[in-house]
């Protein structure tokens, strides 16, 4: 049987980096083919070549048994290939339907038929279980719905091959499970799914076949029925990787963060945080578990100084910072790993060295008198790149040149390297590989062991359980439970997260 597509000897080099080194890939029609590998292994580059975003230096593409050159995404779309990127490519001020039909709008008497577009998008969404309101404005939708919009864009263009690049990186566990149902339905309808991920539990749950990439090469072709997560991990990293556990218990020290009866507004002036009080002490990790949209993001933004407070107080250490600017909160002892590494955590056009000093450019170690020391900034960047295994050919390269996982390491390195009493880590391992997850978890526990207080917000319940000293659950803007990670399981946490348990239970 002729494969749906083949990539043969694909090679692609960037300055100082060979991202793809003679990769071969064969994909059968009507299967979910998972492509796994560490950050920087070549996954996204390979798929960008298949989608026409990049041109290979060597090798060729075969689709349906025919050699093909793909010079642009438009050519890929004409060949029946669609791609959902890690960073969604949507127009925020347009509706769902307008985004889906863009460049292929239905018309009536020479005018765009908006009602027809909305109707066709609704029919398509219903056919594949993609619950979306075609008339909703994109900027008002949560990330789980935005991903459905991206998939609808590809389906509307009759894609037979769908590339999903780290599709669950921004999804909650509940959204992830619904997403799996969708892609199985797509597969059963005859479509071929290329699923790029580093999450081994997801691979085992959905894959029909697996290709493992390491350092730009294909190192294994595996059958999920005959392999294990441990074997996949060894192929990915070249070593055994064990999950990090929080280890011995600690007696918490002084309070490093105090939030009292905090109220914060969200979209359209609605209350997002409703009377929240919490404390974080030195030497503990306090985890917050919540389904997306229940106020956890607004809570963190208020603590970090990125969103105004309506009522209540915030103290970092003994300093009241309720209405203070970000710089003052930094000086009071706050380090912050934000959820959005692109929009908040980094500046894409700035160099790696500049990104690694942002927020700390007034530190004495980076200055010579009144001026920044360029030598000190470069030395600081090189040290962090080495310690945090940030893969780059130069610290002068733009942050935009890094893979998503390496960009996350930039943010983690910058915030972890300063000995702030309080560390807020919001989705710290989102979109990074298993080796990086192990490293970041180790760094968080090391920060705790050195007397820092950590507020951890994560959609990964196993991460919350593995690292937290205490777990706080938020639902509809309130803290509804405080749980002991040693005596609670994911089902219990999930029950509180969805409002299925009594407040305070």
Protein backbone atom coordinates (compact mmCIF):
# COMPACT_ATOMS: atom_id res chain seq x y z
CA UNK A 1 0.00 0.00 0.00
CA UNK A 2 1.41 3.41 -1.00
CA UNK A 3 2.12 5.61 2.06
CA UNK A 4 0.21 8.87 2.42
CA UNK A 5 3.50 10.74 2.50
CA UNK A 6 7.24 10.18 2.79
CA UNK A 7 10.08 12.47 3.74
CA UNK A 8 13.43 11.18 2.50
CA UNK A 9 16.82 12.44 3.64
CA UNK A 10 15.50 15.82 4.76
CA UNK A 11 18.36 18.10 5.81
CA UNK A 12 18.14 21.70 6.99
CA UNK A 13 20.87 23.89 8.46
CA UNK A 14 20.72 27.23 10.21
CA UNK A 15 23.78 29.26 11.24
CA UNK A 16 25.69 27.01 13.62
CA UNK A 17 22.90 24.41 13.87
CA UNK A 18 21.88 21.40 11.74
CA UNK A 19 18.23 21.18 12.70
CA UNK A 20 17.45 18.20 10.42
CA UNK A 21 20.18 15.74 9.50
CA UNK A 22 18.96 13.35 6.79
CA UNK A 23 15.59 12.53 8.37
CA UNK A 24 13.44 9.77 6.86
CA UNK A 25 9.74 9.58 7.74
CA UNK A 26 6.99 7.34 6.34
CA UNK A 27 3.36 7.98 7.26
CA UNK A 28 0.42 5.71 6.38
CA UNK A 29 -2.97 7.05 5.38
CA UNK A 30 -5.64 7.24 8.10
CA UNK A 31 -3.33 7.00 11.12
CA UNK A 32 -2.26 9.17 14.04
CA UNK A 33 1.51 9.30 13.65
CA UNK A 34 3.26 10.80 16.68
CA UNK A 35 6.61 12.51 16.20
CA UNK A 36 8.43 12.90 19.51
CA UNK A 37 11.74 14.33 20.58
CA UNK A 38 13.38 16.80 22.90
CA UNK A 39 13.21 20.54 22.24
CA UNK A 40 15.55 21.28 19.36
CA UNK A 41 15.37 17.71 18.01
CA UNK A 42 14.05 18.98 14.66
CA UNK A 43 10.32 18.26 14.99
CA UNK A 44 8.98 21.72 14.18
CA UNK A 45 11.60 22.35 11.48
CA UNK A 46 10.68 19.08 9.76
CA UNK A 47 6.97 19.91 9.80
CA UNK A 48 7.66 23.47 8.63
CA UNK A 49 9.41 21.96 5.59
CA UNK A 50 6.44 19.70 4.90
CA UNK A 51 4.10 22.70 5.15
CA UNK A 52 6.22 24.85 2.84
CA UNK A 53 7.32 27.37 5.47
CA UNK A 54 10.95 26.31 5.00
CA UNK A 55 12.85 24.78 2.11
CA UNK A 56 15.14 21.78 2.73
CA UNK A 57 18.85 21.98 1.90
CA UNK A 58 18.68 18.33 0.81
CA UNK A 59 16.14 15.52 0.55
CA UNK A 60 12.68 15.37 -0.96
CA UNK A 61 8.98 14.93 -0.23
CA UNK A 62 6.79 12.17 -1.68
CA UNK A 63 3.00 12.48 -1.44
CA UNK A 64 0.83 9.64 -2.69
CA UNK A 65 3.85 8.10 -4.42
CA UNK A 66 4.71 11.28 -6.35
CA UNK A 67 7.77 13.47 -5.76
CA UNK A 68 6.61 16.93 -4.77
CA UNK A 69 8.15 20.32 -4.08
CA UNK A 70 6.27 22.54 -1.62
CA UNK A 71 7.36 26.17 -1.80
CA UNK A 72 4.68 27.80 0.36
CA UNK A 73 1.81 27.02 2.72
CA UNK A 74 -0.60 27.81 -0.11
CA UNK A 75 0.93 24.99 -2.15
CA UNK A 76 0.73 22.70 0.88
CA UNK A 77 -2.96 23.54 1.31
CA UNK A 78 -3.57 22.78 -2.37
CA UNK A 79 -1.96 19.36 -1.75
CA UNK A 80 -4.34 18.72 1.15
CA UNK A 81 -1.92 19.51 4.00
CA UNK A 82 -3.03 21.68 6.93
CA UNK A 83 -1.04 22.76 9.98
CA UNK A 84 -1.99 23.96 13.46
CA UNK A 85 1.00 25.84 14.88
CA UNK A 86 2.14 26.16 18.49
CA UNK A 87 1.42 29.90 18.31
CA UNK A 88 -2.07 30.29 16.88
CA UNK A 89 -2.32 32.37 13.69
CA UNK A 90 -5.70 34.04 14.06
CA UNK A 91 -7.06 37.57 13.65
CA UNK A 92 -8.17 38.50 17.18
CA UNK A 93 -10.80 41.10 16.21
CA UNK A 94 -12.55 38.88 13.66
CA UNK A 95 -15.18 36.23 14.38
CA UNK A 96 -14.53 32.51 14.33
CA UNK A 97 -16.26 32.15 10.96
CA UNK A 98 -14.32 35.07 9.44
CA UNK A 99 -11.05 33.49 10.53
CA UNK A 100 -11.98 30.05 9.21
CA UNK A 101 -13.06 31.18 5.73
CA UNK A 102 -10.36 33.85 5.27
CA UNK A 103 -9.18 33.93 1.61
CA UNK A 104 -11.88 31.39 0.72
CA UNK A 105 -15.00 33.33 1.67
CA UNK A 106 -18.33 32.16 0.24
CA UNK A 107 -20.04 34.87 -1.80
CA UNK A 108 -23.54 35.73 -2.87
CA UNK A 109 -24.18 38.10 -5.76
CA UNK A 110 -20.56 39.23 -5.62
CA UNK A 111 -20.64 40.02 -1.87
CA UNK A 112 -19.19 37.97 0.99
CA UNK A 113 -21.96 35.78 2.38
CA UNK A 114 -21.37 36.14 6.13
CA UNK A 115 -24.45 34.15 7.09
CA UNK A 116 -23.42 31.39 4.72
CA UNK A 117 -19.91 31.37 6.18
CA UNK A 118 -21.30 31.11 9.70
CA UNK A 119 -23.65 28.29 8.68
CA UNK A 120 -20.91 26.30 6.93
CA UNK A 121 -18.53 26.66 9.87
CA UNK A 122 -21.23 25.56 12.31
CA UNK A 123 -22.01 22.49 10.18
CA UNK A 124 -18.33 21.59 9.98
CA UNK A 125 -17.85 22.05 13.73
CA UNK A 126 -20.88 19.89 14.52
CA UNK A 127 -19.69 17.14 12.16
CA UNK A 128 -16.44 16.70 14.06
CA UNK A 129 -17.55 17.52 17.60
CA UNK A 130 -15.69 20.85 17.63
CA UNK A 131 -17.90 22.94 19.89
CA UNK A 132 -17.46 26.51 18.62
CA UNK A 133 -19.72 29.53 18.19
CA UNK A 134 -19.01 30.77 14.62
CA UNK A 135 -20.09 34.31 15.54
CA UNK A 136 -17.88 34.67 18.62
CA UNK A 137 -15.00 37.17 18.45
CA UNK A 138 -11.67 35.35 18.62
CA UNK A 139 -9.99 37.64 21.19
CA UNK A 140 -12.68 36.75 23.73
CA UNK A 141 -12.22 32.98 23.49
CA UNK A 142 -10.10 30.72 25.76
CA UNK A 143 -7.12 28.91 24.26
CA UNK A 144 -8.86 25.54 24.11
CA UNK A 145 -11.48 27.00 21.77
CA UNK A 146 -8.86 28.85 19.71
CA UNK A 147 -7.27 25.53 18.90
CA UNK A 148 -10.58 24.20 17.58
CA UNK A 149 -10.77 27.27 15.34
CA UNK A 150 -7.32 26.46 13.91
CA UNK A 151 -8.41 22.88 13.21
CA UNK A 152 -11.59 24.12 11.55
CA UNK A 153 -9.47 26.34 9.27
CA UNK A 154 -7.63 23.26 8.02
CA UNK A 155 -10.78 21.15 7.67
CA UNK A 156 -12.57 23.93 5.78
CA UNK A 157 -9.76 23.78 3.23
CA UNK A 158 -10.32 20.00 2.93
CA UNK A 159 -7.00 18.98 4.46
CA UNK A 160 -6.43 15.23 4.29
CA UNK A 161 -3.17 15.49 6.25
CA UNK A 162 -3.30 17.53 9.46
CA UNK A 163 -0.07 18.59 11.22
CA UNK A 164 -0.59 19.36 14.92
CA UNK A 165 2.49 21.00 16.48
CA UNK A 166 2.45 20.56 20.28
CA UNK A 167 -1.36 20.77 20.21
CA UNK A 168 -1.95 20.13 23.92
CA UNK A 169 0.65 22.57 25.25
CA UNK A 170 -2.05 25.13 26.08
CA UNK A 171 -4.87 22.76 27.07
CA UNK A 172 -6.17 21.77 30.47
CA UNK A 173 -6.56 18.03 31.18
CA UNK A 174 -10.28 18.25 30.43
CA UNK A 175 -9.71 20.10 27.16
CA UNK A 176 -6.98 17.62 26.26
CA UNK A 177 -9.30 14.64 26.66
CA UNK A 178 -11.95 16.30 24.45
CA UNK A 179 -9.24 17.10 21.91
CA UNK A 180 -8.20 13.43 21.78
CA UNK A 181 -11.78 12.49 20.96
CA UNK A 182 -11.73 14.99 18.10
CA UNK A 183 -8.52 13.70 16.50
CA UNK A 184 -9.68 10.09 16.79
CA UNK A 185 -12.84 11.11 14.99
CA UNK A 186 -10.74 12.83 12.32
CA UNK A 187 -8.63 9.69 11.90
CA UNK A 188 -11.71 7.50 11.65
CA UNK A 189 -13.01 9.76 8.87
CA UNK A 190 -9.90 8.89 6.86
CA UNK A 191 -7.65 11.81 7.66
CA UNK A 192 -3.98 11.40 8.52
CA UNK A 193 -2.74 13.12 11.67
CA UNK A 194 0.87 14.11 12.31
CA UNK A 195 0.99 14.75 16.05
CA UNK A 196 4.15 16.48 17.31
CA UNK A 197 4.59 16.23 21.06
CA UNK A 198 6.96 15.43 23.90
CA UNK A 199 4.30 14.16 26.34
CA UNK A 200 4.72 10.43 26.53
CA UNK A 201 1.40 9.69 28.21
CA UNK A 202 -0.34 11.36 25.28
CA UNK A 203 1.72 9.38 22.80
CA UNK A 204 0.67 6.13 24.42
CA UNK A 205 -2.96 7.26 24.50
CA UNK A 206 -3.44 8.26 20.84
CA UNK A 207 -0.59 7.05 18.61
CA UNK A 208 -0.97 4.41 15.91
CA UNK A 209 2.76 4.73 15.16
CA UNK A 210 5.70 6.66 16.61
CA UNK A 211 8.84 8.26 15.18
CA UNK A 212 11.50 9.46 17.63
CA UNK A 213 13.87 12.29 16.68
CA UNK A 214 17.08 13.14 18.51
CA UNK A 215 19.55 15.85 17.54
CA UNK A 216 18.06 16.22 14.08
CA UNK A 217 17.97 12.51 13.24
CA UNK A 218 15.34 9.80 13.22
CA UNK A 219 16.52 7.29 15.81
CA UNK A 220 13.53 4.95 16.22
CA UNK A 221 10.27 3.80 14.61
CA UNK A 222 8.03 2.32 17.30
CA UNK A 223 4.69 0.55 17.65
CA UNK A 224 2.83 1.90 20.72
CA UNK A 225 1.48 -1.59 21.42
CA UNK A 226 5.03 -2.92 21.76
CA UNK A 227 6.83 -0.09 23.55
CA UNK A 228 6.76 1.79 26.86
CA UNK A 229 7.14 5.43 27.91
CA UNK A 230 10.50 4.52 29.41
CA UNK A 231 11.77 3.14 26.09
CA UNK A 232 10.55 6.19 24.19
CA UNK A 233 12.24 8.43 26.74
CA UNK A 234 15.55 6.61 26.33
CA UNK A 235 15.38 7.05 22.55
CA UNK A 236 14.54 10.74 22.97
CA UNK A 237 17.28 11.61 25.45
CA UNK A 238 19.85 8.84 25.14
CA UNK A 239 19.56 8.20 28.89
CA UNK A 240 17.16 7.10 31.61
CA UNK A 241 14.94 9.94 32.89
CA UNK A 242 13.20 9.55 36.24
CA UNK A 243 10.43 11.85 37.49
CA UNK A 244 11.39 14.31 40.21
CA UNK A 245 9.64 13.99 43.57
CA UNK A 246 9.44 16.62 46.27
CA UNK A 247 11.30 14.42 48.79
CA UNK A 248 11.53 15.32 52.43
CA UNK A 249 9.07 17.67 54.06
CA UNK A 250 10.23 21.06 55.31
CA UNK A 251 9.11 23.32 58.12
CA UNK A 252 8.03 26.50 56.37
CA UNK A 253 9.72 29.74 57.38
CA UNK A 254 8.52 33.34 57.31
CA UNK A 255 5.75 34.55 55.03
CA UNK A 256 7.11 35.74 51.66
CA UNK A 257 3.71 36.36 50.02
CA UNK A 258 0.47 37.40 51.68
CA UNK A 259 -2.73 37.98 49.72
CA UNK A 260 -5.82 39.11 51.63
CA UNK A 261 -9.42 39.24 50.31
CA UNK A 262 -8.20 40.08 46.82
CA UNK A 263 -10.67 41.13 44.13
CA UNK A 264 -9.61 41.46 40.49
CA UNK A 265 -11.58 42.15 37.32
CA UNK A 266 -11.33 40.07 34.15
CA UNK A 267 -12.96 40.47 30.71
CA UNK A 268 -15.76 43.06 30.39
CA UNK A 269 -15.40 44.17 34.00
CA UNK A 270 -16.56 40.83 35.41
CA UNK A 271 -15.06 39.65 38.69
CA UNK A 272 -12.32 37.11 37.99
CA UNK A 273 -10.80 36.87 41.49
CA UNK A 274 -13.37 36.99 44.27
CA UNK A 275 -12.07 37.52 47.80
CA UNK A 276 -9.00 35.29 47.57
CA UNK A 277 -6.67 35.02 50.56
CA UNK A 278 -3.49 32.93 50.64
CA UNK A 279 0.02 32.78 52.05
CA UNK A 280 3.28 31.38 50.73
CA UNK A 281 6.11 30.79 53.20
CA UNK A 282 9.82 30.39 52.72
CA UNK A 283 10.78 26.78 52.02
CA UNK A 284 7.45 25.60 50.59
CA UNK A 285 5.79 25.14 47.22
CA UNK A 286 2.13 26.14 47.15
CA UNK A 287 0.37 24.72 44.10
CA UNK A 288 -2.76 26.20 42.56
CA UNK A 289 -4.93 23.81 40.55
CA UNK A 290 -7.78 25.14 38.41
CA UNK A 291 -9.48 24.67 35.07
CA UNK A 292 -8.57 27.49 32.67
CA UNK A 293 -10.73 30.57 33.13
CA UNK A 294 -11.33 30.24 36.87
CA UNK A 295 -9.30 33.26 37.93
CA UNK A 296 -5.85 31.78 38.42
CA UNK A 297 -4.27 33.80 35.60
CA UNK A 298 -5.82 37.06 36.83
CA UNK A 299 -4.67 36.28 40.38
CA UNK A 300 -1.08 35.81 39.25
CA UNK A 301 -1.15 38.91 37.04
CA UNK A 302 -2.38 40.97 39.99
CA UNK A 303 0.39 39.67 42.25
CA UNK A 304 2.98 40.34 39.55
CA UNK A 305 1.70 43.89 38.92
CA UNK A 306 0.33 43.24 35.44
CA UNK A 307 -3.35 43.72 36.36
CA UNK A 308 -4.91 46.31 38.73
CA UNK A 309 -6.45 45.29 42.03
CA UNK A 310 -10.06 46.26 42.79
CA UNK A 311 -9.92 45.44 46.50
CA UNK A 312 -7.77 43.61 49.01
CA UNK A 313 -4.02 43.73 49.72
CA UNK A 314 -0.80 42.09 48.52
CA UNK A 315 2.40 41.91 50.58
CA UNK A 316 5.73 40.57 49.33
CA UNK A 317 7.72 39.95 52.50
CA UNK A 318 6.94 42.89 54.77
CA UNK A 319 6.32 45.32 51.89
CA UNK A 320 2.81 46.25 50.80
CA UNK A 321 2.79 46.20 46.98
CA UNK A 322 -0.94 46.17 46.21
CA UNK A 323 -0.69 49.07 43.76
CA UNK A 324 3.09 49.09 43.20
CA UNK A 325 4.67 48.90 39.76
CA UNK A 326 6.52 45.83 38.51
CA UNK A 327 9.98 47.27 39.26
CA UNK A 328 9.11 47.81 42.92
CA UNK A 329 7.77 44.27 43.22
CA UNK A 330 11.06 43.02 41.76
CA UNK A 331 12.96 44.97 44.40
CA UNK A 332 10.66 43.59 47.10
CA UNK A 333 11.74 40.08 46.16
CA UNK A 334 9.60 38.73 43.30
CA UNK A 335 10.74 36.52 40.41
CA UNK A 336 8.08 35.56 37.89
CA UNK A 337 7.92 32.85 35.22
CA UNK A 338 4.84 33.91 33.19
CA UNK A 339 2.42 31.59 31.42
CA UNK A 340 2.96 33.26 28.03
CA UNK A 341 6.65 33.13 27.19
CA UNK A 342 6.08 34.90 23.87
CA UNK A 343 3.89 37.85 24.85
CA UNK A 344 5.06 38.45 28.42
CA UNK A 345 8.22 36.44 29.10
CA UNK A 346 10.51 37.45 26.24
CA UNK A 347 11.08 39.97 23.45
CA UNK A 348 11.46 38.04 20.20
CA UNK A 349 13.55 40.64 18.36
CA UNK A 350 15.98 41.18 21.25
CA UNK A 351 19.09 39.07 21.68
CA UNK A 352 19.31 36.12 24.02
CA UNK A 353 21.72 38.05 26.27
CA UNK A 354 19.29 40.98 26.54
CA UNK A 355 16.37 38.68 27.31
CA UNK A 356 18.41 37.04 30.06
CA UNK A 357 19.00 40.37 31.80
CA UNK A 358 15.53 41.93 31.37
CA UNK A 359 14.06 43.06 34.65
CA UNK A 360 17.45 42.79 36.32
CA UNK A 361 19.40 45.31 34.26
CA UNK A 362 19.91 47.46 37.35
CA UNK A 363 21.72 44.64 39.19
CA UNK A 364 25.22 45.59 40.31
CA UNK A 365 26.69 42.46 38.73
CA UNK A 366 25.67 43.69 35.26
CA UNK A 367 26.81 47.31 35.61
CA UNK A 368 29.94 49.38 35.67
CA UNK A 369 29.02 52.47 37.60
CA UNK A 370 25.98 54.08 35.97
CA UNK A 371 26.28 52.06 32.77
CA UNK A 372 25.61 48.51 31.72
CA UNK A 373 28.75 46.44 31.25
CA UNK A 374 28.37 44.68 27.90
CA UNK A 375 31.09 42.22 28.90
CA UNK A 376 29.24 41.39 32.13
CA UNK A 377 25.93 41.00 30.26
CA UNK A 378 27.52 38.61 27.76
CA UNK A 379 29.33 36.66 30.49
CA UNK A 380 26.08 36.40 32.47
CA UNK A 381 24.26 35.10 29.37
CA UNK A 382 26.91 32.52 28.56
CA UNK A 383 26.88 31.20 32.12
CA UNK A 384 23.10 30.82 32.13
CA UNK A 385 23.05 29.19 28.69
CA UNK A 386 25.57 26.63 29.91
CA UNK A 387 23.91 25.97 33.27
CA UNK A 388 20.37 25.75 31.85
CA UNK A 389 21.38 23.91 28.63
CA UNK A 390 19.99 26.60 26.33
CA UNK A 391 20.89 25.48 22.81
CA UNK A 392 22.12 28.39 20.71
CA UNK A 393 25.09 29.15 18.49
CA UNK A 394 25.44 32.66 19.95
CA UNK A 395 24.06 34.71 22.86
CA UNK A 396 23.77 37.56 20.36
CA UNK A 397 21.19 35.63 18.32
CA UNK A 398 17.60 36.87 18.48
CA UNK A 399 15.30 35.08 20.90
CA UNK A 400 12.99 34.47 17.92
CA UNK A 401 15.56 32.01 16.56
CA UNK A 402 15.05 29.61 19.48
CA UNK A 403 12.69 26.66 19.69
CA UNK A 404 9.74 26.98 22.08
CA UNK A 405 11.44 24.80 24.68
CA UNK A 406 14.67 26.77 24.58
CA UNK A 407 12.72 30.00 24.84
CA UNK A 408 11.11 28.62 28.00
CA UNK A 409 14.56 27.82 29.36
CA UNK A 410 15.49 31.49 28.78
CA UNK A 411 12.63 32.62 31.02
CA UNK A 412 13.32 29.97 33.66
CA UNK A 413 17.05 30.74 33.68
CA UNK A 414 16.50 34.48 34.08
CA UNK A 415 14.01 34.17 36.93
CA UNK A 416 15.71 31.29 38.75
CA UNK A 417 19.16 32.86 38.68
CA UNK A 418 18.18 35.71 41.01
CA UNK A 419 17.87 34.81 44.66
CA UNK A 420 14.42 36.36 45.15
CA UNK A 421 12.53 35.22 48.27
CA UNK A 422 9.37 34.64 46.18
CA UNK A 423 9.16 32.75 42.89
CA UNK A 424 5.90 32.58 40.94
CA UNK A 425 6.04 29.77 38.39
CA UNK A 426 3.03 29.83 36.05
CA UNK A 427 2.86 26.80 33.74
CA UNK A 428 6.69 26.51 33.98
CA UNK A 429 6.98 23.33 31.89
CA UNK A 430 4.37 24.11 29.23
CA UNK A 431 5.69 23.08 25.82
CA UNK A 432 9.01 21.62 26.99
CA UNK A 433 10.38 18.09 26.67
CA UNK A 434 10.78 15.40 29.29
CA UNK A 435 14.42 16.20 29.99
CA UNK A 436 13.65 19.90 30.43
CA UNK A 437 10.70 19.07 32.69
CA UNK A 438 12.97 17.04 34.94
CA UNK A 439 15.48 19.90 35.02
CA UNK A 440 12.88 22.60 35.77
CA UNK A 441 11.28 20.49 38.50
CA UNK A 442 14.70 20.01 40.08
CA UNK A 443 15.31 23.77 39.97
CA UNK A 444 11.95 24.52 41.64
CA UNK A 445 12.65 22.07 44.46
CA UNK A 446 16.19 23.42 44.78
CA UNK A 447 14.74 26.93 45.16
CA UNK A 448 12.45 25.61 47.89
CA UNK A 449 15.34 23.85 49.64
CA UNK A 450 17.32 27.11 49.65
CA UNK A 451 14.53 28.88 51.50
CA UNK A 452 12.58 30.47 48.67
CA UNK A 453 8.80 30.38 48.63
CA UNK A 454 7.24 29.13 45.38
CA UNK A 455 3.73 29.73 44.08
CA UNK A 456 3.19 27.11 41.36
CA UNK A 457 0.30 27.35 38.90
CA UNK A 458 -0.03 24.40 36.53
CA UNK A 459 -2.62 22.64 34.40
CA UNK A 460 -0.61 19.42 34.84
CA UNK A 461 -2.06 17.77 37.95
CA UNK A 462 0.82 15.31 38.20
CA UNK A 463 3.17 18.30 38.32
CA UNK A 464 1.11 19.94 41.07
CA UNK A 465 1.10 16.72 43.10
CA UNK A 466 4.79 15.97 42.55
CA UNK A 467 6.07 19.38 43.66
CA UNK A 468 3.55 21.00 46.01
CA UNK A 469 3.76 21.14 49.77
CA UNK A 470 0.11 22.27 49.76
CA UNK A 471 -2.48 22.39 46.97
CA UNK A 472 -5.03 25.20 46.67
CA UNK A 473 -7.93 24.66 44.27
CA UNK A 474 -9.63 27.60 42.53
CA UNK A 475 -13.13 27.52 41.10
CA UNK A 476 -15.03 30.51 39.74
CA UNK A 477 -12.53 32.98 41.16
CA UNK A 478 -12.40 31.57 44.67
CA UNK A 479 -10.20 29.17 46.59
CA UNK A 480 -12.53 26.30 47.34
CA UNK A 481 -10.16 23.78 48.93
CA UNK A 482 -6.73 23.26 50.46
CA UNK A 483 -5.51 19.70 49.88
CA UNK A 484 -2.65 17.52 51.07
CA UNK A 485 -0.76 16.13 48.04
CA UNK A 486 0.10 12.99 50.02
CA UNK A 487 -3.53 12.04 50.68
CA UNK A 488 -5.37 13.24 47.59
CA UNK A 489 -5.50 11.84 44.05
CA UNK A 490 -6.13 13.48 40.67
CA UNK A 491 -9.81 12.52 40.71
CA UNK A 492 -10.33 14.32 44.03
CA UNK A 493 -8.50 17.40 42.78
CA UNK A 494 -10.51 17.36 39.57
CA UNK A 495 -13.77 17.15 41.53
CA UNK A 496 -12.92 20.35 43.38
CA UNK A 497 -11.70 22.02 40.19
CA UNK A 498 -15.07 21.51 38.50
CA UNK A 499 -17.17 22.57 41.51
CA UNK A 500 -18.26 19.03 42.27
CA UNK A 501 -17.22 19.12 45.93
CA UNK A 502 -18.33 21.27 48.82
CA UNK A 503 -16.36 24.43 49.43
CA UNK A 504 -13.65 23.80 52.00
CA UNK A 505 -14.06 20.00 51.74
